C-alpha cells in the first residue's frame, strides 16, 4: 500500500531509510566496511577470564574486611567506592568498572588530567612539573610550576583528552623550541633547568636509541601490531638454568628491525643492550626510569650486533644515495643521523676519517669484507668492500655521537 510522504509514520520512514541504505550505489563501500567490521566483531573470542567480566547486580560476591589480613577473621562488609579525599562516584550509577572509568576522566576530578599532562611534559622535557610522577601523595615533591600544570590539565579536558593535540601544543611552544645551550651563569643559577630558561637536553630512552640507529641506516621497519619479535642479542649459554627459550633464534626479515617496543622480554633474562640504557627489568612497575651514564653504554653502541649492522647499512646507503664526492656523502650521512648539516670542522674530520679508513682497508681486503658484511650480509654487486668498510667506520662514529643519543 502506498502512503503519501507527509502521512508516513516514524517507523515507516525508518524502514524506507534502512532499505535505501541497503541498495544505494554510493553507499556500497560503506556497506562493505560495515559488514567487515561486524564479521570482525563476531569473530572475537568471548572473554573467559573471570576478572575481565562484570557480574550482574545481585550476583556479585560479598567482600568483607580481613582483620590484620586474616581471611578467617572477617570484619564489616565493604562496597566499591573512592577515597574520601576525592569526589564520590556518580549517584545512581552501577558500581562497576565503566562507572569508575567515567569518574576518572570526569572534569570534577582534577587529578587524572594533571597526572596525564605531567607525564607528557616529562617525556618532552625530561622532567615534569611534578618531579615524582609515581607519587602524587604527601611525600611527592611540590610542583615547580603549579599554574602551568593546572592550565595544561584544564586544556587536556577542553581538548577532549586528545593526546596528539596536547603534544602538538607543547612542542610548538616557545619554551620547548628554545636552544638547549647553557651558559656558565645560567647553569650556576639553574643547573637542572627547572626554571625552563633553555630547551630540554637529556639522553633518549633505550628503545629510542636503538630505533634511531635503525631509522638512520634505512633498516627500520614501521610495521605495527602483532606478536613480539626477537632481534639479535648475545648468546649467553644459560639454557641449563633458564630453559631452551633463553637463547633464541633471531627473527628474520622486517621483524628483525621492528621498533624496540616489540622486543620479546623475559624478566629473568631481559634484552641486554636495553638494560645497559636503563630499561627496567619489569620485575616491578617502573613509572620513572633513571638515567645513568656509563662506559658500558658506549661499548653497546660501538660493538652490539644491532648497532654494527646499522652502521653497515648506513655506509651502504651513503654509497648509494649520498652523491658523487666524499664530502657530499659525509654531509648526507651526517644529516641522516643528526638532522642538520655538518659544520666545516665536522665535515673535515669525517672526510679525514673516511680517507684513513679507506687506505687501511684497501690493504686488508679480508678485514674489509668482514667489517662490511658481518652481520648484515653480502655487499650489493659492484660495491667496493674497502669503500663499504670505510663508510661503516664513519657510520659507526656518527651513531655514537653525543648528539645522536641525546634529545636536545
Protein backbone atom coordinates (compact mmCIF):
# COMPACT_ATOMS: atom_id res chain seq x y z
CA UNK A 1 0.00 0.00 0.00
CA UNK A 2 1.35 3.40 -0.99
CA UNK A 3 1.46 6.07 1.69
CA UNK A 4 1.98 9.74 0.97
CA UNK A 5 5.30 11.04 2.41
CA UNK A 6 3.57 13.53 4.68
CA UNK A 7 1.40 10.78 6.22
CA UNK A 8 4.18 8.23 6.89
CA UNK A 9 4.83 7.25 10.48
CA UNK A 10 8.29 7.32 12.02
CA UNK A 11 8.52 3.53 11.78
CA UNK A 12 7.67 3.65 8.08
CA UNK A 13 10.25 6.37 7.43
CA UNK A 14 12.88 4.35 9.28
CA UNK A 15 12.05 1.25 7.24
CA UNK A 16 12.39 3.17 3.96
CA UNK A 17 15.67 4.69 5.07
CA UNK A 18 17.02 1.28 6.03
CA UNK A 19 16.03 -0.17 2.65
CA UNK A 20 17.56 2.74 0.75
CA UNK A 21 20.86 2.36 2.61
CA UNK A 22 20.94 -1.33 1.66
CA UNK A 23 20.71 -0.63 -2.11
CA UNK A 24 22.18 2.87 -2.69
CA UNK A 25 25.21 2.57 -5.02
CA UNK A 26 27.05 5.47 -3.36
CA UNK A 27 26.93 3.59 -0.03
CA UNK A 28 28.38 0.35 -1.38
CA UNK A 29 31.85 0.92 0.10
CA UNK A 30 30.37 1.89 3.47
CA UNK A 31 28.21 -1.26 3.50
CA UNK A 32 31.26 -3.41 2.79
CA UNK A 33 33.21 -1.76 5.61
CA UNK A 34 30.28 -2.26 7.99
CA UNK A 35 29.99 -5.93 7.03
CA UNK A 36 33.71 -6.47 7.59
CA UNK A 37 33.53 -4.75 10.99
CA UNK A 38 30.56 -6.89 12.04
CA UNK A 39 32.38 -10.05 10.97
CA UNK A 40 35.49 -9.00 12.92
CA UNK A 41 33.34 -8.33 15.99
CA UNK A 42 31.61 -11.71 15.70
CA UNK A 43 34.98 -13.46 15.39
CA UNK A 44 36.20 -12.07 18.70
CA UNK A 45 36.54 -14.72 21.37
CA UNK A 46 34.26 -14.49 24.37
CA UNK A 47 36.15 -13.35 27.45
CA UNK A 48 36.59 -16.35 29.72
CA UNK A 49 38.81 -14.81 32.40
CA UNK A 50 36.51 -14.03 35.36
CA UNK A 51 38.34 -10.86 36.34
CA UNK A 52 37.57 -9.37 32.90
CA UNK A 53 33.80 -9.91 33.22
CA UNK A 54 31.28 -7.80 35.07
CA UNK A 55 28.82 -9.74 37.19
CA UNK A 56 25.18 -8.58 37.11
CA UNK A 57 23.72 -6.92 40.24
CA UNK A 58 22.75 -9.46 42.85
CA UNK A 59 25.40 -11.94 41.79
CA UNK A 60 28.43 -10.01 43.00
CA UNK A 61 30.24 -11.59 45.89
CA UNK A 62 30.13 -10.12 49.39
CA UNK A 63 33.51 -8.64 50.37
CA UNK A 64 34.48 -8.11 54.00
CA UNK A 65 37.47 -6.55 55.69
CA UNK A 66 40.05 -9.14 56.74
CA UNK A 67 41.19 -8.17 60.23
CA UNK A 68 45.01 -7.86 60.16
CA UNK A 69 44.93 -9.64 56.79
CA UNK A 70 43.45 -12.84 58.21
CA UNK A 71 40.75 -14.17 55.85
CA UNK A 72 39.30 -16.23 58.71
CA UNK A 73 38.81 -13.14 60.88
CA UNK A 74 36.39 -11.01 58.88
CA UNK A 75 35.01 -7.59 59.76
CA UNK A 76 32.33 -5.39 58.23
CA UNK A 77 31.10 -5.62 54.65
CA UNK A 78 32.72 -3.17 52.20
CA UNK A 79 31.46 -1.96 48.83
CA UNK A 80 33.18 -0.23 45.90
CA UNK A 81 33.93 3.45 46.45
CA UNK A 82 36.56 6.15 46.22
CA UNK A 83 38.87 7.67 48.85
CA UNK A 84 37.23 10.46 50.82
CA UNK A 85 39.82 12.95 49.53
CA UNK A 86 38.42 12.55 46.00
CA UNK A 87 34.98 13.32 44.56
CA UNK A 88 32.48 10.49 45.08
CA UNK A 89 31.26 8.17 42.34
CA UNK A 90 28.18 9.45 40.47
CA UNK A 91 24.98 8.82 42.39
CA UNK A 92 22.64 6.24 40.92
CA UNK A 93 25.26 4.66 38.67
CA UNK A 94 26.17 0.95 38.96
CA UNK A 95 29.35 0.34 40.95
CA UNK A 96 31.36 -1.22 38.14
CA UNK A 97 34.47 -0.50 36.11
CA UNK A 98 32.67 1.58 33.49
CA UNK A 99 31.47 3.95 36.19
CA UNK A 100 34.99 4.10 37.60
CA UNK A 101 36.40 4.90 34.15
CA UNK A 102 33.91 7.72 33.66
CA UNK A 103 34.72 9.04 37.14
CA UNK A 104 38.44 9.06 36.37
CA UNK A 105 38.01 11.41 33.40
CA UNK A 106 35.19 13.48 34.84
CA UNK A 107 36.01 17.22 34.78
CA UNK A 108 35.27 17.39 38.51
CA UNK A 109 38.24 15.06 39.14
CA UNK A 110 41.34 17.19 38.50
CA UNK A 111 43.98 14.62 39.41
CA UNK A 112 43.75 12.39 36.32
CA UNK A 113 44.35 15.23 33.86
CA UNK A 114 47.20 16.58 35.99
CA UNK A 115 48.94 13.21 36.08
CA UNK A 116 48.45 12.74 32.32
CA UNK A 117 49.86 16.12 31.25
CA UNK A 118 52.70 15.85 33.74
CA UNK A 119 53.66 12.58 32.08
CA UNK A 120 53.55 14.13 28.59
CA UNK A 121 55.63 17.09 29.75
CA UNK A 122 58.16 14.73 31.31
CA UNK A 123 58.55 12.80 28.06
CA UNK A 124 59.29 16.01 26.14
CA UNK A 125 61.29 17.99 28.70
CA UNK A 126 62.93 15.21 30.70
CA UNK A 127 61.19 16.10 33.96
CA UNK A 128 57.61 17.11 34.67
CA UNK A 129 56.30 19.99 36.78
CA UNK A 130 55.95 17.29 39.47
CA UNK A 131 59.32 15.50 39.69
CA UNK A 132 57.79 12.36 41.17
CA UNK A 133 55.28 11.09 38.55
CA UNK A 134 54.93 7.86 40.52
CA UNK A 135 53.94 9.63 43.75
CA UNK A 136 51.34 12.40 44.00
CA UNK A 137 50.72 11.96 47.71
CA UNK A 138 52.03 13.75 50.77
CA UNK A 139 55.59 12.54 50.02
CA UNK A 140 55.64 13.89 46.47
CA UNK A 141 57.62 16.97 45.55
CA UNK A 142 55.82 20.28 45.26
CA UNK A 143 55.06 21.21 41.62
CA UNK A 144 57.65 23.59 40.22
CA UNK A 145 55.09 25.40 38.04
CA UNK A 146 51.67 24.86 39.60
CA UNK A 147 49.84 27.36 37.38
CA UNK A 148 51.30 25.71 34.28
CA UNK A 149 50.25 22.27 35.50
CA UNK A 150 46.70 23.45 36.22
CA UNK A 151 46.37 25.16 32.84
CA UNK A 152 47.66 22.11 30.96
CA UNK A 153 45.24 19.88 32.87
CA UNK A 154 42.23 22.07 32.02
CA UNK A 155 43.41 22.26 28.41
CA UNK A 156 43.61 18.46 28.29
CA UNK A 157 39.96 18.23 29.33
CA UNK A 158 38.98 21.01 26.90
CA UNK A 159 40.74 19.09 24.09
CA UNK A 160 38.62 16.01 24.98
CA UNK A 161 41.72 14.10 26.12
CA UNK A 162 43.35 14.37 22.68
CA UNK A 163 46.95 13.33 23.38
CA UNK A 164 48.20 14.32 19.94
CA UNK A 165 46.74 17.80 20.29
CA UNK A 166 48.44 18.23 23.68
CA UNK A 167 51.80 17.05 22.35
CA UNK A 168 51.49 19.44 19.41
CA UNK A 169 50.69 22.27 21.81
CA UNK A 170 53.79 21.53 23.88
CA UNK A 171 56.30 21.01 21.05
CA UNK A 172 55.19 24.18 19.25
CA UNK A 173 55.53 26.28 22.38
CA UNK A 174 58.31 28.87 22.69
CA UNK A 175 59.51 27.07 25.82
CA UNK A 176 60.15 23.79 24.04
CA UNK A 177 61.68 25.41 20.95
CA UNK A 178 64.43 27.18 22.89
CA UNK A 179 68.07 26.30 22.36
CA UNK A 180 69.45 23.81 24.88
CA UNK A 181 72.77 25.66 25.00
CA UNK A 182 73.65 26.63 28.55
CA UNK A 183 75.94 29.41 29.71
CA UNK A 184 78.04 29.17 32.91
CA UNK A 185 75.93 31.88 34.53
CA UNK A 186 72.66 30.11 33.68
CA UNK A 187 73.99 26.74 34.83
CA UNK A 188 75.06 28.20 38.16
CA UNK A 189 71.64 29.71 38.72
CA UNK A 190 69.56 26.78 37.46
CA UNK A 191 71.61 23.59 36.89
CA UNK A 192 68.55 21.32 36.49
CA UNK A 193 66.67 23.74 34.20
CA UNK A 194 63.66 23.81 36.50
CA UNK A 195 63.04 27.44 35.51
CA UNK A 196 62.82 26.41 31.83
CA UNK A 197 65.21 29.12 30.69
CA UNK A 198 66.59 26.77 27.99
CA UNK A 199 65.39 23.89 25.86
CA UNK A 200 65.38 20.27 27.07
CA UNK A 201 68.54 18.21 26.92
CA UNK A 202 68.60 14.62 28.16
CA UNK A 203 69.54 11.14 26.98
CA UNK A 204 66.95 9.25 24.95
CA UNK A 205 65.40 6.04 26.25
CA UNK A 206 66.85 2.61 25.49
CA UNK A 207 64.26 1.75 22.86
CA UNK A 208 64.56 5.11 21.09
CA UNK A 209 68.36 4.90 20.85
CA UNK A 210 68.07 1.58 19.04
CA UNK A 211 65.19 2.77 16.83
CA UNK A 212 67.07 5.90 15.79
CA UNK A 213 70.09 3.90 14.68
CA UNK A 214 67.88 1.60 12.60
CA UNK A 215 65.98 4.56 11.13
CA UNK A 216 69.09 6.49 10.07
CA UNK A 217 70.52 3.36 8.47
CA UNK A 218 67.37 2.66 6.48
CA UNK A 219 66.75 -0.71 8.16
CA UNK A 220 63.89 0.43 10.39
CA UNK A 221 60.57 -1.39 9.94
CA UNK A 222 57.44 0.70 10.52
CA UNK A 223 55.23 -2.39 10.74
CA UNK A 224 52.62 -2.11 13.50
CA UNK A 225 50.94 -4.62 15.81
CA UNK A 226 51.45 -8.34 16.03
CA UNK A 227 53.40 -10.66 18.35
CA UNK A 228 56.78 -9.82 19.93
CA UNK A 229 59.95 -10.20 17.85
CA UNK A 230 63.43 -11.46 18.64
CA UNK A 231 66.16 -9.14 17.37
CA UNK A 232 69.81 -10.24 17.62
CA UNK A 233 71.40 -10.43 21.05
CA UNK A 234 74.42 -12.19 22.55
CA UNK A 235 74.04 -15.91 23.23
CA UNK A 236 74.52 -16.27 26.97
CA UNK A 237 74.50 -20.09 27.26
CA UNK A 238 72.01 -20.07 30.11
CA UNK A 239 69.80 -22.88 28.83
CA UNK A 240 70.60 -25.17 31.75
CA UNK A 241 69.42 -22.58 34.27
CA UNK A 242 66.51 -20.93 32.48
CA UNK A 243 65.40 -23.36 29.75
CA UNK A 244 65.71 -23.54 26.00
CA UNK A 245 63.91 -20.24 25.36
CA UNK A 246 66.78 -18.26 26.88
CA UNK A 247 68.95 -18.27 23.75
CA UNK A 248 66.51 -17.57 20.97
CA UNK A 249 66.65 -17.83 17.23
CA UNK A 250 66.75 -14.32 15.78
CA UNK A 251 63.74 -13.04 13.86
CA UNK A 252 64.18 -12.66 10.12
CA UNK A 253 63.02 -10.17 7.51
CA UNK A 254 61.32 -6.97 8.70
CA UNK A 255 60.69 -8.47 12.15
CA UNK A 256 64.41 -8.21 12.85
CA UNK A 257 64.24 -4.41 12.55
CA UNK A 258 60.97 -3.57 14.27
CA UNK A 259 60.67 -0.95 16.98
CA UNK A 260 62.22 -1.76 20.35
CA UNK A 261 58.70 -1.70 21.76
CA UNK A 262 58.03 -5.09 20.13
CA UNK A 263 61.10 -6.86 21.53
CA UNK A 264 60.44 -10.14 23.31
CA UNK A 265 61.02 -9.59 27.01
CA UNK A 266 61.74 -12.11 29.71
CA UNK A 267 62.16 -10.81 33.23
CA UNK A 268 64.85 -13.35 34.14
CA UNK A 269 66.90 -12.51 31.03
CA UNK A 270 65.93 -9.06 29.69
CA UNK A 271 67.33 -7.69 26.42
CA UNK A 272 70.95 -6.79 27.33
CA UNK A 273 71.55 -3.66 25.25
CA UNK A 274 68.37 -2.03 26.53
CA UNK A 275 69.22 -2.85 30.13
CA UNK A 276 72.53 -1.01 29.61
CA UNK A 277 70.47 2.11 28.85
CA UNK A 278 68.32 1.77 31.97
CA UNK A 279 65.31 -0.07 30.55
CA UNK A 280 63.56 -1.65 33.57
CA UNK A 281 63.62 -5.41 34.05
CA UNK A 282 59.82 -5.31 34.55
CA UNK A 283 60.01 -7.23 37.82
CA UNK A 284 58.17 -4.26 39.32
CA UNK A 285 56.22 -1.38 37.83
CA UNK A 286 58.62 1.45 36.94
CA UNK A 287 56.94 4.80 36.30
CA UNK A 288 60.09 6.92 36.24
CA UNK A 289 63.26 5.48 34.67
CA UNK A 290 66.65 6.58 35.97
CA UNK A 291 69.23 7.96 33.52
CA UNK A 292 72.80 6.83 34.01
CA UNK A 293 75.97 7.44 32.03
CA UNK A 294 78.40 4.51 31.97
CA UNK A 295 81.20 3.20 29.70
CA UNK A 296 79.10 0.08 29.08
CA UNK A 297 76.66 2.18 27.05
CA UNK A 298 79.41 3.26 24.65
CA UNK A 299 80.53 -0.35 24.31
CA UNK A 300 76.97 -1.30 23.33
CA UNK A 301 76.60 1.32 20.59
CA UNK A 302 80.11 0.57 19.29
CA UNK A 303 80.03 -3.24 19.30
CA UNK A 304 76.49 -4.62 19.71
CA UNK A 305 75.47 -6.57 16.55
CA UNK A 306 72.37 -4.39 16.09
CA UNK A 307 74.42 -1.18 16.02
CA UNK A 308 77.21 -2.69 13.89
CA UNK A 309 74.59 -3.82 11.38
CA UNK A 310 73.05 -0.34 11.43
CA UNK A 311 76.48 1.18 10.71
CA UNK A 312 76.98 -1.21 7.80
CA UNK A 313 73.57 -0.37 6.34
CA UNK A 314 74.23 3.35 6.82
CA UNK A 315 77.51 3.00 4.93
CA UNK A 316 75.81 1.24 2.03
CA UNK A 317 73.03 3.84 2.00
CA UNK A 318 75.57 6.64 1.80
CA UNK A 319 77.36 4.98 -1.11
CA UNK A 320 74.08 4.51 -2.95
CA UNK A 321 72.35 7.83 -2.21
CA UNK A 322 74.95 10.24 -0.89
CA UNK A 323 76.30 11.78 -4.08
CA UNK A 324 79.47 11.65 -6.19
CA UNK A 325 82.09 13.09 -3.81
CA UNK A 326 83.35 12.10 -0.39
CA UNK A 327 82.26 15.46 1.04
CA UNK A 328 78.74 15.00 -0.38
CA UNK A 329 78.48 11.55 1.15
CA UNK A 330 79.81 12.66 4.51
CA UNK A 331 77.32 15.53 4.57
CA UNK A 332 74.47 13.17 3.65
CA UNK A 333 75.41 10.69 6.38
CA UNK A 334 75.68 13.49 8.92
CA UNK A 335 72.23 14.85 8.04
CA UNK A 336 70.68 11.38 8.23
CA UNK A 337 71.92 10.97 11.79
CA UNK A 338 71.73 14.45 13.28
CA UNK A 339 69.13 16.20 11.09
CA UNK A 340 71.41 19.17 10.44
CA UNK A 341 74.28 19.95 8.06
CA UNK A 342 77.81 19.49 9.46
CA UNK A 343 79.98 22.45 10.33
CA UNK A 344 83.16 22.91 8.34
CA UNK A 345 85.37 21.40 11.05
CA UNK A 346 83.00 18.44 11.49
CA UNK A 347 82.93 17.73 7.76
CA UNK A 348 86.72 17.91 7.57
CA UNK A 349 87.10 15.35 10.39
CA UNK A 350 84.65 12.94 8.74
CA UNK A 351 86.38 13.16 5.37
CA UNK A 352 89.77 12.55 7.02
CA UNK A 353 88.34 9.57 8.91
CA UNK A 354 86.95 8.07 5.71
CA UNK A 355 90.20 8.55 3.78
CA UNK A 356 92.29 7.00 6.55
CA UNK A 357 89.90 4.03 6.93
CA UNK A 358 89.73 3.59 3.13
CA UNK A 359 93.51 3.46 2.92
CA UNK A 360 93.77 0.94 5.77
CA UNK A 361 91.10 -1.43 4.45
CA UNK A 362 92.36 -1.26 0.87
CA UNK A 363 95.47 -3.01 2.18
CA UNK A 364 93.41 -5.56 4.16
CA UNK A 365 90.73 -6.91 1.80
CA UNK A 366 89.62 -9.80 4.05
CA UNK A 367 89.13 -7.50 7.02
CA UNK A 368 87.28 -5.03 4.78
CA UNK A 369 84.84 -7.71 3.64
CA UNK A 370 84.27 -8.89 7.21
CA UNK A 371 83.60 -5.38 8.55
CA UNK A 372 81.25 -4.51 5.67
CA UNK A 373 79.23 -7.75 5.63
CA UNK A 374 79.03 -9.34 9.09
CA UNK A 375 76.24 -9.49 10.24
CA UNK A 376 74.34 -7.57 7.50
CA UNK A 377 75.19 -9.91 4.62
CA UNK A 378 76.89 -9.79 1.21
CA UNK A 379 77.53 -6.45 -0.45
CA UNK A 380 75.45 -5.36 -3.44
CA UNK A 381 77.01 -6.20 -6.76
CA UNK A 382 79.69 -3.75 -7.80
CA UNK A 383 80.19 -2.17 -4.36
CA UNK A 384 83.85 -1.94 -3.32
CA UNK A 385 84.49 -3.70 0.06
CA UNK A 386 87.13 -1.15 1.11
CA UNK A 387 84.69 1.70 0.40
CA UNK A 388 81.87 -0.02 2.27
CA UNK A 389 84.14 -0.80 5.22
CA UNK A 390 85.36 2.80 5.41
CA UNK A 391 81.83 4.18 5.38
CA UNK A 392 80.87 1.59 8.00
CA UNK A 393 83.56 3.10 10.23
CA UNK A 394 82.16 6.59 9.57
CA UNK A 395 78.63 5.35 10.24
CA UNK A 396 79.72 3.75 13.49
CA UNK A 397 81.21 7.05 14.64
CA UNK A 398 78.09 9.02 13.69
CA UNK A 399 75.80 6.60 15.52
CA UNK A 400 77.92 7.09 18.64
CA UNK A 401 77.95 10.87 18.68
CA UNK A 402 76.66 12.56 21.81
CA UNK A 403 74.10 14.40 19.69
CA UNK A 404 72.77 11.10 18.34
CA UNK A 405 71.74 9.65 21.71
CA UNK A 406 70.67 12.90 23.33
CA UNK A 407 67.38 14.75 22.93
CA UNK A 408 68.15 18.42 22.65
